[in-house]
Amino acid sequence: MIWYILAAFFPCVLVVLFSTITRSKWIGTLITLVVIGASVYKGFFHNEWIIFLDVVSLLVGYLIMDYLEKHRTEHDDDNGI
């Protein structure tokens, strides 16, 4: 059960973390995808549902960063920056 919970939230958090550090949603998503790919390659998954949850969580993290980036640029335009 813990694997499903981790698969549902951990990639999303990694995308947000790596995107914040690198200041690029594309690089953050790519780094997270490489980390997940390496874990799948090494066999740290139990079935296909965990991979599916990883991909959905990765997508949600990307969409969160896309929303935050859009919100930040709209906010900066309002302030004249």
N, C-alpha and C. Protein backbone atom coordinates (compact mmCIF):
# COMPACT_ATOMS: atom_id res chain seq x y z
N MET A 1 0.82 -1.20 0.00
CA MET A 1 0.00 0.00 0.00
C MET A 1 0.86 1.26 0.00
N ILE A 2 1.97 1.21 0.71
CA ILE A 2 2.84 2.39 0.78
C ILE A 2 3.43 2.72 -0.58
N TRP A 3 3.66 1.69 -1.41
CA TRP A 3 4.24 1.93 -2.74
C TRP A 3 3.30 2.74 -3.61
N TYR A 4 2.00 2.48 -3.49
CA TYR A 4 1.02 3.22 -4.29
C TYR A 4 0.94 4.68 -3.84
N ILE A 5 1.02 4.90 -2.55
CA ILE A 5 0.98 6.27 -2.03
C ILE A 5 2.22 7.03 -2.47
N LEU A 6 3.37 6.40 -2.36
CA LEU A 6 4.61 7.06 -2.80
C LEU A 6 4.59 7.32 -4.30
N ALA A 7 4.08 6.38 -5.07
CA ALA A 7 4.03 6.55 -6.53
C ALA A 7 3.07 7.67 -6.91
N ALA A 8 2.05 7.91 -6.09
CA ALA A 8 1.07 8.94 -6.39
C ALA A 8 1.57 10.35 -6.07
N PHE A 9 2.49 10.50 -5.11
CA PHE A 9 2.90 11.83 -4.68
C PHE A 9 4.36 12.17 -4.92
N PHE A 10 5.23 11.19 -4.85
CA PHE A 10 6.67 11.47 -4.91
C PHE A 10 7.12 12.09 -6.24
N PRO A 11 6.72 11.58 -7.40
CA PRO A 11 7.15 12.22 -8.65
C PRO A 11 6.66 13.66 -8.79
N CYS A 12 5.47 13.94 -8.31
CA CYS A 12 4.94 15.31 -8.36
C CYS A 12 5.83 16.24 -7.53
N VAL A 13 6.18 15.79 -6.34
CA VAL A 13 7.04 16.60 -5.47
C VAL A 13 8.42 16.77 -6.11
N LEU A 14 8.94 15.71 -6.74
CA LEU A 14 10.25 15.82 -7.39
C LEU A 14 10.23 16.82 -8.55
N VAL A 15 9.17 16.80 -9.34
CA VAL A 15 9.07 17.75 -10.46
C VAL A 15 9.06 19.17 -9.92
N VAL A 16 8.27 19.42 -8.89
CA VAL A 16 8.20 20.77 -8.32
C VAL A 16 9.55 21.16 -7.73
N LEU A 17 10.19 20.26 -7.02
CA LEU A 17 11.49 20.55 -6.41
C LEU A 17 12.57 20.82 -7.46
N PHE A 18 12.71 19.91 -8.42
CA PHE A 18 13.74 20.08 -9.44
C PHE A 18 13.46 21.28 -10.35
N SER A 19 12.19 21.55 -10.63
CA SER A 19 11.86 22.71 -11.45
C SER A 19 12.15 24.01 -10.72
N THR A 20 11.94 24.01 -9.42
CA THR A 20 12.25 25.20 -8.63
C THR A 20 13.76 25.42 -8.57
N ILE A 21 14.50 24.36 -8.41
CA ILE A 21 15.96 24.48 -8.31
C ILE A 21 16.55 24.92 -9.65
N THR A 22 16.11 24.32 -10.74
CA THR A 22 16.68 24.63 -12.05
C THR A 22 16.01 25.81 -12.74
N ARG A 23 14.86 26.24 -12.21
CA ARG A 23 14.08 27.34 -12.77
C ARG A 23 13.59 27.04 -14.19
N SER A 24 13.36 25.76 -14.46
CA SER A 24 12.85 25.33 -15.75
C SER A 24 11.97 24.11 -15.53
N LYS A 25 10.70 24.22 -15.96
CA LYS A 25 9.80 23.09 -15.77
C LYS A 25 10.20 21.91 -16.66
N TRP A 26 10.83 22.20 -17.79
CA TRP A 26 11.26 21.13 -18.70
C TRP A 26 12.42 20.34 -18.10
N ILE A 27 13.39 21.03 -17.56
CA ILE A 27 14.55 20.35 -16.97
C ILE A 27 14.12 19.58 -15.73
N GLY A 28 13.27 20.17 -14.90
CA GLY A 28 12.77 19.48 -13.71
C GLY A 28 12.01 18.22 -14.05
N THR A 29 11.20 18.29 -15.09
CA THR A 29 10.45 17.11 -15.53
C THR A 29 11.39 16.06 -16.11
N LEU A 30 12.37 16.49 -16.87
CA LEU A 30 13.32 15.55 -17.47
C LEU A 30 14.15 14.84 -16.40
N ILE A 31 14.62 15.57 -15.41
CA ILE A 31 15.41 14.96 -14.33
C ILE A 31 14.56 13.94 -13.57
N THR A 32 13.30 14.30 -13.29
CA THR A 32 12.41 13.37 -12.60
C THR A 32 12.15 12.14 -13.44
N LEU A 33 11.97 12.32 -14.74
CA LEU A 33 11.74 11.19 -15.63
C LEU A 33 12.95 10.27 -15.66
N VAL A 34 14.15 10.82 -15.62
CA VAL A 34 15.36 10.00 -15.59
C VAL A 34 15.44 9.22 -14.28
N VAL A 35 15.10 9.86 -13.17
CA VAL A 35 15.12 9.18 -11.87
C VAL A 35 14.11 8.03 -11.85
N ILE A 36 12.90 8.27 -12.35
CA ILE A 36 11.89 7.22 -12.40
C ILE A 36 12.32 6.11 -13.36
N GLY A 37 12.87 6.48 -14.50
CA GLY A 37 13.34 5.48 -15.46
C GLY A 37 14.44 4.61 -14.88
N ALA A 38 15.33 5.21 -14.12
CA ALA A 38 16.41 4.43 -13.49
C ALA A 38 15.84 3.48 -12.43
N SER A 39 14.85 3.93 -11.69
CA SER A 39 14.26 3.04 -10.68
C SER A 39 13.49 1.89 -11.32
N VAL A 40 12.83 2.16 -12.45
CA VAL A 40 12.14 1.09 -13.17
C VAL A 40 13.17 0.10 -13.74
N TYR A 41 14.24 0.64 -14.28
CA TYR A 41 15.30 -0.21 -14.84
C TYR A 41 15.93 -1.11 -13.78
N LYS A 42 16.11 -0.56 -12.57
CA LYS A 42 16.71 -1.33 -11.48
C LYS A 42 15.72 -2.29 -10.82
N GLY A 43 14.44 -2.16 -11.14
CA GLY A 43 13.46 -3.10 -10.62
C GLY A 43 12.76 -2.67 -9.36
N PHE A 44 12.76 -1.39 -9.04
CA PHE A 44 12.09 -0.89 -7.84
C PHE A 44 10.63 -0.59 -8.11
N PHE A 45 9.91 -1.54 -8.64
CA PHE A 45 8.48 -1.42 -8.83
C PHE A 45 7.88 -2.81 -8.74
N HIS A 46 6.63 -2.88 -8.34
CA HIS A 46 6.01 -4.18 -8.14
C HIS A 46 5.07 -4.57 -9.27
N ASN A 47 4.44 -3.59 -9.89
CA ASN A 47 3.55 -3.90 -11.01
C ASN A 47 3.37 -2.67 -11.88
N GLU A 48 2.56 -2.81 -12.91
CA GLU A 48 2.37 -1.73 -13.86
C GLU A 48 1.58 -0.56 -13.30
N TRP A 49 0.77 -0.80 -12.28
CA TRP A 49 -0.01 0.29 -11.68
C TRP A 49 0.89 1.35 -11.04
N ILE A 50 1.99 0.92 -10.48
CA ILE A 50 2.92 1.87 -9.87
C ILE A 50 3.55 2.75 -10.95
N ILE A 51 3.90 2.16 -12.08
CA ILE A 51 4.44 2.95 -13.19
C ILE A 51 3.38 3.93 -13.70
N PHE A 52 2.14 3.47 -13.80
CA PHE A 52 1.04 4.34 -14.22
C PHE A 52 0.87 5.51 -13.25
N LEU A 53 0.88 5.23 -11.95
CA LEU A 53 0.75 6.30 -10.96
C LEU A 53 1.93 7.26 -11.02
N ASP A 54 3.13 6.74 -11.28
CA ASP A 54 4.31 7.60 -11.44
C ASP A 54 4.12 8.57 -12.61
N VAL A 55 3.63 8.06 -13.71
CA VAL A 55 3.45 8.90 -14.90
C VAL A 55 2.37 9.96 -14.66
N VAL A 56 1.27 9.56 -14.03
CA VAL A 56 0.20 10.53 -13.73
C VAL A 56 0.70 11.59 -12.76
N SER A 57 1.44 11.18 -11.75
CA SER A 57 1.98 12.13 -10.78
C SER A 57 2.99 13.07 -11.43
N LEU A 58 3.79 12.54 -12.34
CA LEU A 58 4.74 13.37 -13.09
C LEU A 58 3.99 14.42 -13.90
N LEU A 59 2.91 14.02 -14.55
CA LEU A 59 2.11 14.95 -15.32
C LEU A 59 1.47 16.01 -14.44
N VAL A 60 0.97 15.62 -13.28
CA VAL A 60 0.38 16.59 -12.35
C VAL A 60 1.43 17.58 -11.88
N GLY A 61 2.63 17.12 -11.58
CA GLY A 61 3.71 18.03 -11.18
C GLY A 61 4.06 19.02 -12.28
N TYR A 62 4.08 18.54 -13.52
CA TYR A 62 4.35 19.43 -14.65
C TYR A 62 3.24 20.48 -14.78
N LEU A 63 1.99 20.05 -14.64
CA LEU A 63 0.87 21.00 -14.75
C LEU A 63 0.89 22.02 -13.61
N ILE A 64 1.28 21.59 -12.42
CA ILE A 64 1.41 22.53 -11.30
C ILE A 64 2.46 23.58 -11.62
N MET A 65 3.61 23.15 -12.12
CA MET A 65 4.67 24.10 -12.45
C MET A 65 4.26 25.01 -13.60
N ASP A 66 3.51 24.46 -14.57
CA ASP A 66 3.02 25.27 -15.68
C ASP A 66 2.06 26.34 -15.17
N TYR A 67 1.17 25.97 -14.26
CA TYR A 67 0.24 26.93 -13.68
C TYR A 67 0.97 28.00 -12.88
N LEU A 68 1.93 27.57 -12.07
CA LEU A 68 2.67 28.54 -11.25
C LEU A 68 3.49 29.48 -12.12
N GLU A 69 4.07 28.97 -13.21
CA GLU A 69 4.85 29.82 -14.11
C GLU A 69 3.94 30.83 -14.81
N LYS A 70 2.77 30.38 -15.25
CA LYS A 70 1.82 31.29 -15.88
C LYS A 70 1.34 32.33 -14.89
N HIS A 71 1.03 31.90 -13.68
CA HIS A 71 0.56 32.81 -12.65
C HIS A 71 1.65 33.84 -12.31
N ARG A 72 2.90 33.38 -12.25
CA ARG A 72 4.01 34.29 -11.92
C ARG A 72 4.19 35.34 -13.01
N THR A 73 4.12 34.94 -14.29
CA THR A 73 4.31 35.92 -15.36
C THR A 73 3.14 36.89 -15.43
N GLU A 74 1.91 36.43 -15.17
CA GLU A 74 0.77 37.35 -15.15
C GLU A 74 0.89 38.32 -13.99
N HIS A 75 1.36 37.84 -12.85
CA HIS A 75 1.53 38.70 -11.69
C HIS A 75 2.63 39.73 -11.93
N ASP A 76 3.71 39.32 -12.57
CA ASP A 76 4.81 40.24 -12.87
C ASP A 76 4.38 41.30 -13.87
N ASP A 77 3.52 40.95 -14.81
CA ASP A 77 3.02 41.92 -15.78
C ASP A 77 2.14 42.97 -15.11
N ASP A 78 1.39 42.57 -14.10
CA ASP A 78 0.53 43.51 -13.39
C ASP A 78 1.34 44.52 -12.58
N ASN A 79 2.49 44.11 -12.10
CA ASN A 79 3.34 45.00 -11.32
C ASN A 79 4.28 45.83 -12.17
N GLY A 80 4.30 45.63 -13.45
CA GLY A 80 5.17 46.38 -14.33
C GLY A 80 6.60 45.88 -14.35
N ILE A 81 6.82 44.67 -13.94
CA ILE A 81 8.16 44.10 -13.92
C ILE A 81 8.45 43.44 -15.24
